[in-house]
Amino acid sequence: MRFNRRIVVAASAAALCALTGLGAHAQGAWPNKPVRIVVPFAPGGTTDILARAVAPELSRVFGQQFVVENKAGAGGNLGAEAVAKSAPDGYTLLMGTVGTHGINRALYPKLAYDPIKDFAPVTLVASVPNVMVVNAELAKANNINTVQDFVKLAKSRPGKLNMASSGNGTSIHLAGELFKSQTGTFMTHIPYRGSGPALLDLVGGQVDVMFDNLPSAMQLIKGGKIKALALTSSTRSAALPDAPTIEEAAGLKGFEATSWFGLLAPAGTPPDVVNRIQQEVTRALASPAINEKMVAQGAIPSGNTPAQFAALIDSEHKKWAQVVKVSGARVD
């Protein structure tokens, strides 16, 4: 039998490509199809706002659609789990939060994902203060203008006021629990599937108070739909300069419960893909159009390296485990 030399050489090359993984690369460099950014909360919250801010820029740069997909539930755990179990091929990302990657392991007895082992950190997108906001009609009817006014009302109605959050285990939830423990007040916790629906009920009066991320609450505050009393950060925000910190307003020394949001990929995602995404997100966050918009809403853009983001996640586990212990927070 005679063999065609060209066929033999081609077959050998194909076999070599298959063995070395070059075959897939030859079919088209990443990305050659749309990329999903999973937001583990409902639309309308800060996690969703930030994902939708960076997605168009990534779509433009890479020439493929970066599609935001909301997968809410269980304090962000459902969306995080879905990404952890996705193929590590660069086509599924998570907009993770301090809840999914800093708090939940300490709060939930069992998680279906490991926030460190199951993910490859890409970059921190932004950090934000939380803001204590109350229903405008409640504030008007009870002459609530300060944190101390609210504490007085809450103590006169133990268990009668409802405290909304974007879900169990979020920094919004933990900020409220920390506030309750340090002020000796009791409010019934009502967890939602994101800040969006929680804010709608706060405006409507179905709930009374919330410790929301500043960016998602900002427009409602400015529109007079809800009343801001104080920030949960250690310093004031230029985006809301008249709002004191809770430490200032209520004398709660050391009170701090801020939030952060960042992109992560499933563990095993190629480092070159992770690095390319990080570099382009950093460029996007530095652009005046995005940077100025985020700062105006109270967010602090970042864009740090994967290694720096990994170190932050590790430190946040330790910090929030202590907050969970001190506050007595639990999953309702």
Protein backbone atom coordinates (compact mmCIF):
# COMPACT_ATOMS: atom_id res chain seq x y z
CA MET A 1 0.00 0.00 0.00
CA ARG A 2 1.34 3.44 -0.95
CA PHE A 3 0.70 6.47 1.29
CA ASN A 4 0.29 10.05 0.22
CA ARG A 5 3.04 11.92 2.08
CA ARG A 6 0.88 15.06 2.47
CA ILE A 7 -1.90 13.09 4.13
CA VAL A 8 0.54 11.45 6.56
CA VAL A 9 2.09 14.82 7.51
CA ALA A 10 -1.36 16.43 7.99
CA ALA A 11 -2.57 13.56 10.12
CA SER A 12 0.56 13.72 12.28
CA ALA A 13 0.15 17.46 12.76
CA ALA A 14 -3.50 17.03 13.74
CA ALA A 15 -2.56 14.37 16.28
CA LEU A 16 0.13 16.60 17.76
CA CYS A 17 -2.32 19.50 18.04
CA ALA A 18 -4.84 17.30 19.81
CA LEU A 19 -2.23 16.12 22.31
CA THR A 20 -0.92 19.60 23.06
CA GLY A 21 -4.30 21.38 23.10
CA LEU A 22 -3.35 23.48 20.09
CA GLY A 23 -6.19 22.06 18.05
CA ALA A 24 -8.81 24.03 19.98
CA HIS A 25 -6.69 27.16 19.84
CA ALA A 26 -6.35 26.84 16.07
CA GLN A 27 -10.13 26.91 15.73
CA GLY A 28 -10.13 30.50 16.91
CA ALA A 29 -8.56 32.39 19.77
CA TRP A 30 -10.71 33.29 22.78
CA PRO A 31 -13.34 34.67 22.56
CA ASN A 32 -15.01 33.17 19.50
CA LYS A 33 -18.54 33.20 20.98
CA PRO A 34 -20.51 35.29 23.51
CA VAL A 35 -19.33 35.42 27.14
CA ARG A 36 -21.76 35.30 30.08
CA ILE A 37 -21.35 37.51 33.15
CA VAL A 38 -23.55 35.96 35.84
CA VAL A 39 -24.95 38.40 38.39
CA PRO A 40 -26.11 36.38 41.43
CA PHE A 41 -28.81 38.91 42.34
CA ALA A 42 -31.91 40.43 40.76
CA PRO A 43 -31.65 43.40 38.36
CA GLY A 44 -31.42 46.90 39.81
CA GLY A 45 -28.82 46.39 42.53
CA THR A 46 -25.20 47.53 42.57
CA THR A 47 -23.89 44.13 41.43
CA ASP A 48 -26.11 44.39 38.36
CA ILE A 49 -25.25 48.07 37.77
CA LEU A 50 -21.50 47.38 37.78
CA ALA A 51 -21.78 44.33 35.54
CA ARG A 52 -23.77 46.30 32.99
CA ALA A 53 -21.24 49.13 33.16
CA VAL A 54 -18.26 46.96 32.13
CA ALA A 55 -20.01 44.49 29.80
CA PRO A 56 -20.40 46.90 26.82
CA GLU A 57 -16.74 47.90 27.03
CA LEU A 58 -15.61 44.28 27.01
CA SER A 59 -17.95 43.55 24.09
CA ARG A 60 -16.44 46.42 22.13
CA VAL A 61 -12.82 45.49 22.82
CA PHE A 62 -13.10 41.74 22.23
CA GLY A 63 -15.58 41.82 19.37
CA GLN A 64 -17.95 39.37 21.10
CA GLN A 65 -21.00 40.04 23.23
CA PHE A 66 -20.52 39.97 27.01
CA VAL A 67 -24.06 39.17 28.16
CA VAL A 68 -25.22 39.89 31.71
CA GLU A 69 -27.37 37.10 33.12
CA ASN A 70 -29.18 37.49 36.47
CA LYS A 71 -29.35 34.29 38.50
CA ALA A 72 -30.63 35.30 41.94
CA GLY A 73 -31.27 33.31 45.09
CA ALA A 74 -29.83 32.14 48.43
CA GLY A 75 -27.84 35.31 49.11
CA GLY A 76 -25.98 35.00 45.82
CA ASN A 77 -25.12 31.35 46.32
CA LEU A 78 -27.14 30.01 43.39
CA GLY A 79 -25.37 32.17 40.83
CA ALA A 80 -21.95 31.58 42.39
CA GLU A 81 -22.49 27.82 42.40
CA ALA A 82 -23.56 27.85 38.74
CA VAL A 83 -20.35 29.61 37.72
CA ALA A 84 -18.17 27.40 39.94
CA LYS A 85 -19.54 24.35 38.10
CA SER A 86 -19.18 25.88 34.62
CA ALA A 87 -16.47 24.91 32.15
CA PRO A 88 -13.20 26.82 32.82
CA ASP A 89 -13.00 28.06 29.25
CA GLY A 90 -13.39 31.82 29.72
CA TYR A 91 -17.00 31.94 28.54
CA THR A 92 -18.63 32.16 31.97
CA LEU A 93 -17.75 34.82 34.55
CA LEU A 94 -19.23 35.83 37.89
CA MET A 95 -19.70 39.31 39.28
CA GLY A 96 -18.92 38.17 42.80
CA THR A 97 -19.46 40.17 45.95
CA VAL A 98 -18.29 40.43 49.52
CA GLY A 99 -21.29 38.21 50.26
CA THR A 100 -20.54 35.36 47.86
CA HIS A 101 -16.79 35.43 48.49
CA GLY A 102 -16.28 37.01 51.91
CA ILE A 103 -19.29 36.35 54.13
CA ASN A 104 -21.25 33.29 53.08
CA ARG A 105 -18.72 30.65 54.06
CA ALA A 106 -18.91 31.91 57.66
CA LEU A 107 -22.70 32.34 57.62
CA TYR A 108 -23.96 29.24 55.82
CA PRO A 109 -23.32 25.83 57.44
CA LYS A 110 -22.92 24.27 54.00
CA LEU A 111 -22.07 25.80 50.63
CA ALA A 112 -22.21 23.97 47.32
CA TYR A 113 -19.07 25.82 46.22
CA ASP A 114 -15.74 26.81 47.75
CA PRO A 115 -15.25 30.56 47.29
CA ILE A 116 -11.47 30.15 47.08
CA LYS A 117 -10.76 26.74 45.53
CA ASP A 118 -13.51 26.87 42.90
CA PHE A 119 -12.67 30.27 41.41
CA ALA A 120 -9.92 32.15 39.61
CA PRO A 121 -10.07 35.83 40.72
CA VAL A 122 -9.91 38.23 37.76
CA THR A 123 -10.16 41.73 39.22
CA LEU A 124 -11.88 43.85 41.83
CA VAL A 125 -14.26 46.14 39.92
CA ALA A 126 -15.29 48.51 42.70
CA SER A 127 -15.88 48.96 46.40
CA VAL A 128 -18.77 50.96 47.84
CA PRO A 129 -20.09 52.18 51.20
CA ASN A 130 -23.49 51.07 52.37
CA VAL A 131 -26.06 53.65 53.37
CA MET A 132 -28.74 53.42 56.03
CA VAL A 133 -32.01 54.45 54.38
CA VAL A 134 -35.56 54.55 55.71
CA ASN A 135 -39.00 54.83 54.16
CA ALA A 136 -39.72 58.51 53.51
CA GLU A 137 -43.25 58.41 54.95
CA LEU A 138 -42.06 56.65 58.11
CA ALA A 139 -39.39 59.31 58.55
CA LYS A 140 -41.88 62.13 58.03
CA ALA A 141 -44.55 60.68 60.32
CA ASN A 142 -42.08 60.05 63.14
CA ASN A 143 -39.77 63.04 62.65
CA ILE A 144 -36.76 60.84 61.90
CA ASN A 145 -33.80 62.95 60.80
CA THR A 146 -30.89 61.20 62.49
CA VAL A 147 -29.72 57.70 63.37
CA GLN A 148 -30.51 58.43 67.00
CA ASP A 149 -34.09 59.32 66.05
CA PHE A 150 -34.43 55.95 64.36
CA VAL A 151 -32.89 54.06 67.28
CA LYS A 152 -35.39 55.70 69.62
CA LEU A 153 -38.28 54.62 67.38
CA ALA A 154 -36.95 51.07 66.99
CA LYS A 155 -36.59 50.66 70.74
CA SER A 156 -40.16 51.83 71.24
CA ARG A 157 -41.38 49.22 68.74
CA PRO A 158 -39.24 46.09 69.30
CA GLY A 159 -39.78 43.60 66.47
CA LYS A 160 -42.37 45.82 64.79
CA LEU A 161 -40.05 47.39 62.18
CA ASN A 162 -38.95 45.44 59.12
CA MET A 163 -35.35 45.56 57.84
CA ALA A 164 -34.87 44.68 54.17
CA SER A 165 -31.74 43.22 52.62
CA SER A 166 -30.65 42.00 49.20
CA GLY A 167 -30.38 38.48 50.60
CA ASN A 168 -29.05 36.44 53.50
CA GLY A 169 -25.32 36.85 53.93
CA THR A 170 -24.92 40.04 51.92
CA SER A 171 -23.05 42.99 53.39
CA ILE A 172 -26.43 44.75 53.40
CA HIS A 173 -27.76 42.04 55.72
CA LEU A 174 -24.63 41.98 57.90
CA ALA A 175 -24.53 45.78 58.23
CA GLY A 176 -28.06 45.65 59.61
CA GLU A 177 -27.26 42.81 62.00
CA LEU A 178 -24.18 44.64 63.26
CA PHE A 179 -26.26 47.79 63.76
CA LYS A 180 -28.90 45.85 65.71
CA SER A 181 -26.32 44.23 67.98
CA GLN A 182 -24.49 47.50 68.71
CA THR A 183 -27.61 49.61 69.30
CA GLY A 184 -29.63 47.02 71.22
CA THR A 185 -32.50 47.21 68.76
CA PHE A 186 -34.51 44.41 67.18
CA MET A 187 -35.97 44.56 63.68
CA THR A 188 -37.38 41.70 61.64
CA HIS A 189 -35.07 40.82 58.76
CA ILE A 190 -36.76 40.45 55.36
CA PRO A 191 -34.32 39.04 52.74
CA TYR A 192 -34.98 39.69 49.04
CA ARG A 193 -33.39 38.34 45.86
CA GLY A 194 -31.49 41.59 45.28
CA SER A 195 -31.47 45.28 46.11
CA GLY A 196 -33.85 46.16 43.27
CA PRO A 197 -36.96 44.45 44.67
CA ALA A 198 -36.00 45.36 48.25
CA LEU A 199 -35.80 49.05 47.37
CA LEU A 200 -39.18 48.93 45.64
CA ASP A 201 -40.76 47.65 48.84
CA LEU A 202 -38.86 50.21 50.92
CA VAL A 203 -40.29 52.99 48.76
CA GLY A 204 -43.74 51.42 49.00
CA GLY A 205 -43.61 51.09 52.79
CA GLN A 206 -43.73 47.29 52.95
CA VAL A 207 -40.39 47.49 54.79
CA ASP A 208 -39.03 50.29 56.95
CA VAL A 209 -35.23 50.38 56.79
CA MET A 210 -32.34 49.05 54.71
CA PHE A 211 -28.54 49.27 54.70
CA ASP A 212 -28.19 49.32 50.92
CA ASN A 213 -25.16 49.81 48.68
CA LEU A 214 -24.91 53.51 47.93
CA PRO A 215 -24.94 53.29 44.08
CA SER A 216 -28.24 51.42 43.88
CA ALA A 217 -29.91 53.70 46.44
CA MET A 218 -28.51 57.01 45.17
CA GLN A 219 -31.23 58.01 42.68
CA LEU A 220 -34.03 57.20 45.13
CA ILE A 221 -32.28 59.26 47.81
CA LYS A 222 -31.87 62.22 45.45
CA GLY A 223 -35.48 61.89 44.33
CA GLY A 224 -36.74 61.98 47.93
CA LYS A 225 -38.27 58.50 47.64
CA ILE A 226 -36.24 57.24 50.62
CA LYS A 227 -34.33 59.11 53.34
CA ALA A 228 -30.60 58.59 53.95
CA LEU A 229 -29.50 58.73 57.59
CA ALA A 230 -25.85 57.62 57.58
CA LEU A 231 -23.11 55.67 55.83
CA THR A 232 -21.70 52.39 57.13
CA SER A 233 -18.17 53.23 55.96
CA SER A 234 -15.38 54.63 58.14
CA THR A 235 -15.32 57.91 56.18
CA ARG A 236 -17.87 60.09 54.43
CA SER A 237 -18.53 59.84 50.70
CA ALA A 238 -18.07 62.71 48.26
CA ALA A 239 -21.13 61.38 46.43
CA LEU A 240 -23.30 62.04 49.49
CA PRO A 241 -21.27 64.59 51.49
CA ASP A 242 -24.00 65.59 53.95
CA ALA A 243 -24.48 62.03 55.22
CA PRO A 244 -22.43 61.28 58.36
CA THR A 245 -20.97 57.87 59.12
CA ILE A 246 -22.83 55.68 61.60
CA GLU A 247 -19.83 55.98 63.90
CA GLU A 248 -20.24 59.76 63.82
CA ALA A 249 -24.03 59.78 64.04
CA ALA A 250 -24.54 57.16 66.72
CA GLY A 251 -21.19 56.99 68.50
CA LEU A 252 -20.66 53.38 67.45
CA LYS A 253 -16.86 53.28 67.53
CA GLY A 254 -15.30 51.20 64.75
CA PHE A 255 -18.58 50.53 62.97
CA GLU A 256 -17.78 49.63 59.35
CA ALA A 257 -19.54 47.40 56.84
CA THR A 258 -18.67 48.18 53.23
CA SER A 259 -19.20 46.18 50.05
CA TRP A 260 -17.07 45.18 47.08
CA PHE A 261 -17.70 43.61 43.70
CA GLY A 262 -15.35 41.80 41.36
CA LEU A 263 -15.11 39.46 38.39
CA LEU A 264 -14.19 35.82 38.89
CA ALA A 265 -13.90 32.83 36.56
CA PRO A 266 -14.17 29.10 37.29
CA ALA A 267 -10.95 27.61 38.66
CA GLY A 268 -8.75 26.32 35.87
CA THR A 269 -9.59 29.10 33.42
CA PRO A 270 -6.45 29.77 31.31
CA PRO A 271 -4.32 32.48 32.96
CA ASP A 272 -3.86 34.32 29.66
CA VAL A 273 -7.64 34.71 29.36
CA VAL A 274 -7.92 35.88 32.99
CA ASN A 275 -5.14 38.42 32.44
CA ARG A 276 -6.65 39.76 29.22
CA ILE A 277 -10.01 40.35 30.90
CA GLN A 278 -8.35 42.02 33.89
CA GLN A 279 -6.33 44.35 31.67
CA GLU A 280 -9.36 45.47 29.67
CA VAL A 281 -11.54 45.96 32.75
CA THR A 282 -8.79 48.10 34.26
CA ARG A 283 -8.64 50.22 31.10
CA ALA A 284 -12.43 50.59 31.07
CA LEU A 285 -12.56 51.65 34.73
CA ALA A 286 -9.90 54.29 34.07
CA SER A 287 -11.86 55.86 31.21
CA PRO A 288 -13.50 59.16 32.19
CA ALA A 289 -16.95 58.06 31.02
CA ILE A 290 -17.10 55.06 33.38
CA ASN A 291 -14.88 56.35 36.17
CA GLU A 292 -16.77 59.60 36.67
CA LYS A 293 -20.14 57.88 36.53
CA MET A 294 -19.14 55.33 39.18
CA VAL A 295 -17.64 57.95 41.49
CA ALA A 296 -20.78 60.09 41.19
CA GLN A 297 -22.83 57.10 42.37
CA GLY A 298 -20.57 56.49 45.35
CA ALA A 299 -18.46 53.63 43.97
CA ILE A 300 -14.66 53.50 44.10
CA PRO A 301 -13.35 51.86 40.89
CA SER A 302 -10.43 49.45 41.20
CA GLY A 303 -9.17 47.08 38.49
CA ASN A 304 -6.44 45.43 40.57
CA THR A 305 -4.50 42.31 39.53
CA PRO A 306 -5.74 38.73 39.99
CA ALA A 307 -3.17 38.19 42.75
CA GLN A 308 -4.24 41.35 44.58
CA PHE A 309 -7.90 40.38 44.30
CA ALA A 310 -7.13 36.88 45.62
CA ALA A 311 -5.37 38.41 48.64
CA LEU A 312 -8.39 40.65 49.31
CA ILE A 313 -10.76 37.68 49.22
CA ASP A 314 -8.58 35.78 51.68
CA SER A 315 -8.47 38.70 54.11
CA GLU A 316 -12.21 39.31 53.81
CA HIS A 317 -12.97 35.73 54.90
CA LYS A 318 -11.20 36.37 58.19
CA LYS A 319 -12.77 39.79 58.73
CA TRP A 320 -16.37 38.77 58.07
CA ALA A 321 -16.15 35.54 60.04
CA GLN A 322 -15.50 37.75 63.06
CA VAL A 323 -18.38 40.11 62.16
CA VAL A 324 -20.76 37.15 61.85
CA LYS A 325 -19.65 35.92 65.27
CA VAL A 326 -19.90 39.31 66.99
CA SER A 327 -23.22 40.29 65.42
CA GLY A 328 -24.87 36.93 66.00
CA ALA A 329 -26.08 36.96 62.40
CA ARG A 330 -27.80 33.83 61.14
CA VAL A 331 -29.54 32.61 58.02
CA ASP A 332 -33.29 33.16 58.39
